[in-house]
Amino acid sequence: MNSRRLKITFPPDTPLTEIEEAVEVGFGGMGSAYRGPDRVVFLHNLEMPYELVTRQLTAFQHDGFILSWEAT
């Protein structure tokens, strides 16, 4: 398990139910997630290698699913 934490921001048009679902499933099993302010989610306790998670988040960003992500 990786101790890094990632801050993920969703676009304003993303339904809150989709954000809650992403939190509930830990971004498809990538780790544990919890809500931050507004449309921010924090992903931590990564279950996959950090490099794999960041590649997947970059793909989500290019597809428009997330607005941005950053390591915190």
Protein backbone atom coordinates (compact mmCIF):
# COMPACT_ATOMS: atom_id res chain seq x y z
CA MET A 1 0.00 0.00 0.00
CA ASN A 2 1.34 3.41 -0.98
CA SER A 3 1.12 6.31 1.48
CA ARG A 4 0.90 9.06 -1.14
CA ARG A 5 -2.26 11.16 -1.36
CA LEU A 6 -3.73 12.61 -4.54
CA LYS A 7 -6.11 15.54 -4.85
CA ILE A 8 -8.59 15.06 -7.70
CA THR A 9 -10.86 17.83 -8.95
CA PHE A 10 -13.97 17.13 -10.99
CA PRO A 11 -15.44 19.47 -13.62
CA PRO A 12 -18.45 21.60 -12.59
CA ASP A 13 -20.78 19.63 -14.87
CA THR A 14 -20.04 16.27 -13.21
CA PRO A 15 -23.12 15.09 -11.31
CA LEU A 16 -22.50 14.79 -7.57
CA THR A 17 -23.81 11.21 -7.70
CA GLU A 18 -20.92 10.26 -10.00
CA ILE A 19 -18.43 11.85 -7.62
CA GLU A 20 -19.95 9.98 -4.67
CA GLU A 21 -19.81 6.73 -6.62
CA ALA A 22 -16.13 7.28 -7.43
CA VAL A 23 -15.46 7.82 -3.73
CA GLU A 24 -17.45 4.75 -2.75
CA VAL A 25 -15.47 2.44 -5.03
CA GLY A 26 -12.11 4.09 -4.36
CA PHE A 27 -11.73 5.06 -8.01
CA GLY A 28 -12.24 1.52 -9.20
CA GLY A 29 -10.18 -0.07 -6.46
CA MET A 30 -7.15 2.20 -6.83
CA GLY A 31 -7.25 3.04 -3.13
CA SER A 32 -9.37 4.70 -0.48
CA ALA A 33 -11.11 7.97 -1.27
CA TYR A 34 -12.89 10.70 0.65
CA ARG A 35 -14.63 13.94 -0.29
CA GLY A 36 -13.00 17.27 0.11
CA PRO A 37 -14.59 20.68 -0.42
CA ASP A 38 -16.79 21.27 -3.46
CA ARG A 39 -15.87 18.83 -6.23
CA VAL A 40 -12.59 17.65 -4.75
CA VAL A 41 -11.79 14.06 -3.81
CA PHE A 42 -8.68 12.77 -2.08
CA LEU A 43 -7.34 9.35 -3.03
CA HIS A 44 -4.98 7.68 -0.55
CA ASN A 45 -3.87 4.24 0.66
CA LEU A 46 -3.19 3.34 -2.94
CA GLU A 47 -3.68 -0.35 -3.74
CA MET A 48 -1.82 -0.08 -7.06
CA PRO A 49 1.65 1.21 -7.90
CA TYR A 50 1.76 5.01 -7.84
CA GLU A 51 2.90 5.20 -11.48
CA LEU A 52 -0.07 3.12 -12.63
CA VAL A 53 -2.51 5.28 -10.67
CA THR A 54 -1.07 8.50 -12.09
CA ARG A 55 -1.25 7.13 -15.65
CA GLN A 56 -4.89 6.21 -15.10
CA LEU A 57 -5.70 9.64 -13.63
CA THR A 58 -3.99 11.31 -16.61
CA ALA A 59 -6.16 9.22 -18.94
CA PHE A 60 -9.27 10.26 -16.96
CA GLN A 61 -8.16 13.87 -17.32
CA HIS A 62 -7.67 13.58 -21.10
CA ASP A 63 -11.11 11.95 -21.39
CA GLY A 64 -12.70 14.84 -19.45
CA PHE A 65 -13.79 12.70 -16.49
CA ILE A 66 -11.66 14.73 -14.08
CA LEU A 67 -10.51 18.33 -14.35
CA SER A 68 -7.14 17.94 -12.65
CA TRP A 69 -5.13 15.88 -10.19
CA GLU A 70 -2.05 16.57 -8.11
CA ALA A 71 0.01 14.84 -5.45
CA THR A 72 -0.38 16.40 -2.00
